[in-house]
Structure formats: structure tokens, C-alpha cells
Amino acid sequence: MAAIDPMEQFLIHKVVPVNPIAVPVIGQLDLSITNSVLFMLIAAGILALFFFVAAKRQIVPGRMQALAEMTYGMVDGVLTGGIIGDRGRPFLPFILTLFLFIATLNVLGLAPGGFAVTSQLAVTTALAVMTFLIVIIVGLVRNGLGFFKLFMPSGMPLPMALGVMPIEIISFLVRPLTLAMRLFGNMLGGHVVTYMFASFVIGLGVFGLTGAGIAHLGLAGSAVSFLMIVALTTLEFVVAFLQAFVFAALACVYLNEVVNLGHGH
């Protein structure tokens, strides 16, 4: 029997090979479409199609329009409005796109034949760094040099504040790493555990069918493992949306600090 490798499902491979392009300074740039890129394109296509179908503006909304309006209202009321406040409305398109894109990628990773894009640290890091850069740019544009008051605790004596500032700066700079690792770790762990139980279903099933006597208990173990897969898959669907929500919520928390800097929200 072949060795079981739960990490094999995360391997990147080219789906549409493209000859590398020579770029000055950078060197050879490979624009091949990998399985990771393919599923990101599929996720973008699904979301574009969803909103194209849902954008009917009917007085009595259909199912798709009602779902779109409910999602929009949730993000507006709970995330941008609930965390950032009235000043959060301009960031609603970004947060809504971020939430739906991550949620769609997470669900696609659970589909048969799917690829877990958010189980790739490079992808979650790119999303986290993009969010972090937007926070910094918004902070500098809205507050100018007052942005750096974010690292100066209010009401603290100056000597003590100068000692705390490096800690605040380090804490701020670590945020992209924690944001990326949280999504990456949760999705990676779920897929690995599910894969292991799937291997138990096959391995114990074969052992129970080909063995004799007490070996038939392997069939019971296979059945239990199958039930665990059903339970884990259900849990993973919940986690898929929860992790997308947490990522979007933390992005709102970070935006709130710079948008409402000095406004007491």
C-alpha cells in the first residue's frame, strides 16, 4: 500500500504552463497558471456571476437578490458600521470583497476535486500584507504625521511612553503575520485531519474486507471514520465562513484605529 502523505493535497502544480518572461531587475517571471491561481480565478468568477445575477433591483427580491442584500447588510451593519462606525462606509466594498473572496476560496477547498488556496501561506500572507498596506496608507492620508500617535499611549508620562513605543510598533508590524497565520493554520489543520480520517476509511475498510476473524472489526473502524469525516466536513463549512468573517473583522479593527484616531470611537 502506498504511503499516506496528507501534505500532498497542498502541492502547487502548473495547470497551464507559460514560458517565463525576462523582466529587468526581477529576472525570469513565470506567468504559468497553477492550481492555486486557477481556483482564485474560479472564485472571482463565481462572485462576479453571483452579483450579476443578484443585481436585479426588484421590489420583491428573489433568492439570489435576498442573499446578496443579506450579506451586504451583515457586512455593513456588523463589520464596517459596527466596528468602524459611520466613517467605515467608504471601506464597505473592500471589506465585503475580502470576506466573500476568502469565504468562497475556503468553500471551494472543501469541494470534491477542489484545492485549498487559503491553506497556502503565500496566499494568506499576500491578503494580510495588502490589508496592512491599506491600513497604513489610510492612516497617513487621513492623519498625516498624526498617524504616529497610534504608537504613543495617551495619558502616559513621556519617559514611560518612549519605552512603550517600540513595543507598540513591533506589535503593529507583527499584525500581518498573525493575520496570515490564523487563516492559514485553521484551514491547513482542518484539511489534514479530514484527509487522515479519509485514509482510515480506506485502510481499515480494506483490512476488514481482506482479513479474517477479528480483522473484520476494521469495518467498524472504517464506518466510525466515515462518520467523523461527515462531522468534520460540516464543521469545516462553518469554519470556512467563520475564518473569512474573522479576517474581515480584524481588518475593520485595524482600519478603525487609523480612521477614528483621536475621534474616540
Protein backbone atom coordinates (compact mmCIF):
# COMPACT_ATOMS: atom_id res chain seq x y z
CA MET A 1 0.00 0.00 0.00
CA ALA A 2 1.30 3.44 -0.90
CA ALA A 3 2.46 5.68 1.90
CA ILE A 4 -0.07 8.24 3.13
CA ASP A 5 1.05 11.84 2.68
CA PRO A 6 -1.56 14.32 3.93
CA MET A 7 0.53 17.24 2.64
CA GLU A 8 0.34 16.05 -0.95
CA GLN A 9 -3.03 17.80 -1.39
CA PHE A 10 -1.34 21.19 -0.92
CA LEU A 11 1.28 20.78 -3.66
CA ILE A 12 1.33 23.50 -6.30
CA HIS A 13 1.50 22.35 -9.90
CA LYS A 14 1.10 24.07 -13.25
CA VAL A 15 -2.25 23.71 -15.00
CA VAL A 16 -1.47 25.96 -17.98
CA PRO A 17 2.32 26.25 -18.50
CA VAL A 18 3.55 29.56 -19.90
CA ASN A 19 7.10 30.29 -20.99
CA PRO A 20 8.89 32.57 -18.48
CA ILE A 21 9.26 36.24 -19.42
CA ALA A 22 12.53 38.09 -18.84
CA VAL A 23 11.92 41.19 -16.69
CA PRO A 24 14.71 43.67 -15.93
CA VAL A 25 15.92 43.58 -12.31
CA ILE A 26 13.41 40.86 -11.38
CA GLY A 27 14.74 38.22 -13.79
CA GLN A 28 12.62 35.37 -15.17
CA LEU A 29 8.91 35.87 -14.44
CA ASP A 30 6.80 32.72 -14.61
CA LEU A 31 3.18 33.56 -15.51
CA SER A 32 2.00 29.95 -15.67
CA ILE A 33 -1.48 29.28 -14.29
CA THR A 34 -1.15 26.96 -11.31
CA ASN A 35 -3.91 25.09 -9.49
CA SER A 36 -3.81 27.86 -6.86
CA VAL A 37 -4.25 30.63 -9.44
CA LEU A 38 -6.95 28.62 -11.23
CA PHE A 39 -9.11 28.32 -8.11
CA MET A 40 -8.65 32.00 -7.31
CA LEU A 41 -9.89 32.79 -10.83
CA ILE A 42 -12.82 30.40 -10.31
CA ALA A 43 -13.67 32.12 -7.00
CA ALA A 44 -13.55 35.55 -8.67
CA GLY A 45 -15.75 34.25 -11.50
CA ILE A 46 -18.30 32.79 -9.08
CA LEU A 47 -18.56 36.07 -7.17
CA ALA A 48 -18.86 38.11 -10.38
CA LEU A 49 -21.62 35.80 -11.64
CA PHE A 50 -23.36 35.86 -8.25
CA PHE A 51 -23.63 39.66 -8.16
CA PHE A 52 -24.54 39.82 -11.86
CA VAL A 53 -27.48 37.50 -11.21
CA ALA A 54 -28.37 39.10 -7.86
CA ALA A 55 -28.31 42.74 -9.05
CA LYS A 56 -31.92 42.82 -10.25
CA ARG A 57 -33.22 45.69 -8.03
CA GLN A 58 -36.60 44.01 -7.74
CA ILE A 59 -39.08 45.34 -5.17
CA VAL A 60 -39.79 41.77 -4.14
CA PRO A 61 -36.31 40.22 -4.19
CA GLY A 62 -35.68 36.70 -5.42
CA ARG A 63 -33.48 34.25 -3.55
CA MET A 64 -30.20 35.44 -5.03
CA GLN A 65 -31.01 39.12 -4.53
CA ALA A 66 -32.17 38.44 -0.97
CA LEU A 67 -28.93 36.56 -0.24
CA ALA A 68 -26.84 39.40 -1.69
CA GLU A 69 -28.77 42.00 0.30
CA MET A 70 -28.45 39.95 3.50
CA THR A 71 -24.69 39.58 3.01
CA TYR A 72 -24.32 43.29 2.24
CA GLY A 73 -26.38 44.22 5.29
CA MET A 74 -24.38 41.90 7.55
CA VAL A 75 -21.03 43.34 6.45
CA ASP A 76 -22.35 46.91 6.61
CA GLY A 77 -24.06 46.57 9.99
CA VAL A 78 -21.76 44.19 11.85
CA LEU A 79 -18.32 44.85 10.36
CA THR A 80 -17.81 48.29 8.82
CA GLY A 81 -20.68 50.00 10.65
CA GLY A 82 -20.41 48.08 13.89
CA ILE A 83 -16.62 48.29 14.24
CA ILE A 84 -15.57 51.43 12.36
CA GLY A 85 -18.81 53.38 12.62
CA ASP A 86 -20.16 55.96 10.18
CA ARG A 87 -16.66 56.60 8.87
CA GLY A 88 -16.43 52.97 7.78
CA ARG A 89 -18.86 53.24 4.84
CA PRO A 90 -16.10 54.04 2.25
CA PHE A 91 -14.39 50.76 3.15
CA LEU A 92 -17.51 48.62 2.71
CA PRO A 93 -16.65 47.49 -0.86
CA PHE A 94 -13.16 46.36 0.23
CA ILE A 95 -14.35 44.52 3.35
CA LEU A 96 -17.28 42.90 1.51
CA THR A 97 -14.96 41.71 -1.29
CA LEU A 98 -12.38 40.46 1.21
CA PHE A 99 -14.98 38.49 3.20
CA LEU A 100 -16.68 36.93 0.16
CA PHE A 101 -13.43 36.11 -1.64
CA ILE A 102 -11.91 34.31 1.36
CA ALA A 103 -15.19 32.51 2.14
CA THR A 104 -15.51 31.34 -1.48
CA LEU A 105 -11.91 30.09 -1.55
CA ASN A 106 -12.47 28.23 1.72
CA VAL A 107 -15.63 26.53 0.42
CA LEU A 108 -14.01 25.63 -2.92
CA GLY A 109 -11.25 23.91 -0.98
CA LEU A 110 -13.87 21.61 0.56
CA ALA A 111 -15.48 20.66 -2.76
CA PRO A 112 -14.56 17.29 -4.35
CA GLY A 113 -11.54 17.86 -6.54
CA GLY A 114 -11.08 21.31 -5.05
CA PHE A 115 -7.82 22.95 -4.00
CA ALA A 116 -7.40 24.67 -0.63
CA VAL A 117 -5.97 28.02 -1.76
CA THR A 118 -6.15 29.52 1.74
CA SER A 119 -4.02 26.64 3.01
CA GLN A 120 -1.14 28.29 1.12
CA LEU A 121 0.81 30.66 3.38
CA ALA A 122 1.85 32.75 0.35
CA VAL A 123 -1.81 33.50 -0.43
CA THR A 124 -2.87 34.37 3.12
CA THR A 125 0.28 36.47 3.54
CA ALA A 126 -0.49 38.39 0.34
CA LEU A 127 -4.02 39.13 1.60
CA ALA A 128 -2.70 40.16 5.02
CA VAL A 129 0.05 42.41 3.61
CA MET A 130 -2.43 44.04 1.20
CA THR A 131 -4.77 44.76 4.13
CA PHE A 132 -1.89 46.07 6.25
CA LEU A 133 -0.68 48.42 3.48
CA ILE A 134 -4.20 49.80 3.04
CA VAL A 135 -4.36 50.49 6.78
CA ILE A 136 -1.03 52.34 6.67
CA ILE A 137 -1.97 54.36 3.57
CA VAL A 138 -5.37 55.31 5.02
CA GLY A 139 -3.71 56.24 8.31
CA LEU A 140 -1.16 58.51 6.66
CA VAL A 141 -3.64 60.13 4.25
CA ARG A 142 -6.25 60.84 6.94
CA ASN A 143 -3.94 61.79 9.81
CA GLY A 144 -0.63 62.83 8.27
CA LEU A 145 2.15 62.66 10.84
CA GLY A 146 -0.57 62.30 13.47
CA PHE A 147 -0.69 58.65 12.36
CA PHE A 148 2.29 58.02 14.63
CA LYS A 149 0.18 58.95 17.66
CA LEU A 150 -1.13 55.41 17.26
CA PHE A 151 2.09 54.23 18.92
CA MET A 152 2.02 56.81 21.70
CA PRO A 153 -0.28 55.72 24.58
CA SER A 154 -2.38 58.67 25.75
CA GLY A 155 -2.16 59.86 29.34
CA MET A 156 1.17 58.16 29.96
CA PRO A 157 4.25 60.08 31.22
CA LEU A 158 6.66 60.84 28.37
CA PRO A 159 9.61 58.75 29.65
CA MET A 160 7.37 55.73 30.08
CA ALA A 161 5.66 56.35 26.75
CA LEU A 162 9.02 56.38 24.95
CA GLY A 163 9.74 52.96 26.44
CA VAL A 164 6.36 51.58 25.40
CA MET A 165 6.51 52.94 21.84
CA PRO A 166 8.92 50.27 20.49
CA ILE A 167 6.62 47.56 21.87
CA GLU A 168 3.61 49.19 20.18
CA ILE A 169 5.49 49.47 16.88
CA ILE A 170 6.59 45.83 16.99
CA SER A 171 3.03 44.77 17.85
CA PHE A 172 1.75 46.76 14.88
CA LEU A 173 4.30 45.30 12.45
CA VAL A 174 3.55 41.73 13.56
CA ARG A 175 -0.14 42.06 12.64
CA PRO A 176 0.21 40.85 9.01
CA LEU A 177 1.97 37.70 10.23
CA THR A 178 -0.69 36.86 12.80
CA LEU A 179 -3.48 37.66 10.32
CA ALA A 180 -1.95 35.37 7.70
CA MET A 181 -1.04 32.56 10.10
CA ARG A 182 -4.51 32.44 11.69
CA LEU A 183 -6.28 31.79 8.37
CA PHE A 184 -3.53 29.53 7.04
CA GLY A 185 -3.27 27.41 10.20
CA ASN A 186 -7.00 26.86 10.62
CA MET A 187 -7.60 25.83 7.02
CA LEU A 188 -4.46 23.69 6.79
CA GLY A 189 -5.22 21.83 10.03
CA GLY A 190 -8.81 21.07 9.05
CA HIS A 191 -7.83 19.62 5.68
CA VAL A 192 -5.05 17.49 7.16
CA VAL A 193 -7.31 15.99 9.83
CA THR A 194 -10.05 15.25 7.27
CA TYR A 195 -7.50 13.63 4.95
CA MET A 196 -6.24 11.40 7.75
CA PHE A 197 -9.72 10.15 8.60
CA ALA A 198 -10.37 9.52 4.89
CA SER A 199 -7.26 7.33 4.80
CA PHE A 200 -8.60 5.44 7.83
CA VAL A 201 -11.85 4.76 5.98
CA ILE A 202 -9.99 3.16 3.08
CA GLY A 203 -7.25 1.46 5.09
CA LEU A 204 -9.48 -0.06 7.78
CA GLY A 205 -12.10 -0.98 5.18
CA VAL A 206 -9.58 -2.89 3.06
CA PHE A 207 -8.14 -4.54 6.18
CA GLY A 208 -11.62 -5.61 7.32
CA LEU A 209 -12.61 -7.00 3.92
CA THR A 210 -9.39 -8.90 3.21
CA GLY A 211 -8.67 -10.11 6.75
CA ALA A 212 -10.26 -12.85 8.78
CA GLY A 213 -11.61 -13.19 12.32
CA ILE A 214 -11.02 -10.14 14.47
CA ALA A 215 -9.73 -8.26 11.41
CA HIS A 216 -13.37 -7.71 10.41
CA LEU A 217 -13.52 -5.12 13.21
CA GLY A 218 -11.70 -2.93 10.74
CA LEU A 219 -15.07 -2.41 9.01
CA ALA A 220 -16.45 -0.89 12.21
CA GLY A 221 -13.43 1.39 12.44
CA SER A 222 -13.94 2.37 8.80
CA ALA A 223 -17.59 3.25 9.48
CA VAL A 224 -16.67 5.35 12.52
CA SER A 225 -14.00 7.17 10.49
CA PHE A 226 -16.58 7.88 7.77
CA LEU A 227 -18.94 9.41 10.34
CA MET A 228 -16.05 11.54 11.61
CA ILE A 229 -15.47 12.79 8.06
CA VAL A 230 -19.12 13.82 7.80
CA ALA A 231 -18.89 15.66 11.13
CA LEU A 232 -15.57 17.28 10.26
CA THR A 233 -16.80 18.39 6.83
CA THR A 234 -19.82 20.04 8.45
CA LEU A 235 -17.52 21.75 10.93
CA GLU A 236 -15.18 22.83 8.13
CA PHE A 237 -18.04 24.56 6.32
CA VAL A 238 -18.72 26.54 9.49
CA VAL A 239 -15.01 27.30 9.91
CA ALA A 240 -14.78 28.37 6.24
CA PHE A 241 -17.21 31.25 6.82
CA LEU A 242 -16.04 31.93 10.37
CA GLN A 243 -12.42 32.41 9.34
CA ALA A 244 -13.45 34.71 6.49
CA PHE A 245 -15.52 36.71 8.97
CA VAL A 246 -12.65 36.88 11.49
CA PHE A 247 -10.21 38.05 8.81
CA ALA A 248 -12.62 40.78 7.67
CA ALA A 249 -13.42 41.75 11.27
CA LEU A 250 -9.74 42.16 12.17
CA ALA A 251 -9.23 44.24 9.03
CA CYS A 252 -12.03 46.50 10.31
CA VAL A 253 -10.44 46.68 13.76
CA TYR A 254 -7.14 47.81 12.25
CA LEU A 255 -8.89 50.33 9.99
CA ASN A 256 -10.88 51.67 12.94
CA GLU A 257 -7.66 52.55 14.78
CA VAL A 258 -6.48 54.83 11.97
CA VAL A 259 -9.85 56.08 10.71
CA ASN A 260 -11.07 57.13 14.15
CA LEU A 261 -7.67 58.09 15.52
CA GLY A 262 -8.41 60.85 18.01
CA HIS A 263 -12.19 60.69 17.49
CA GLY A 264 -12.93 58.38 20.40
CA HIS A 265 -14.97 55.74 18.51
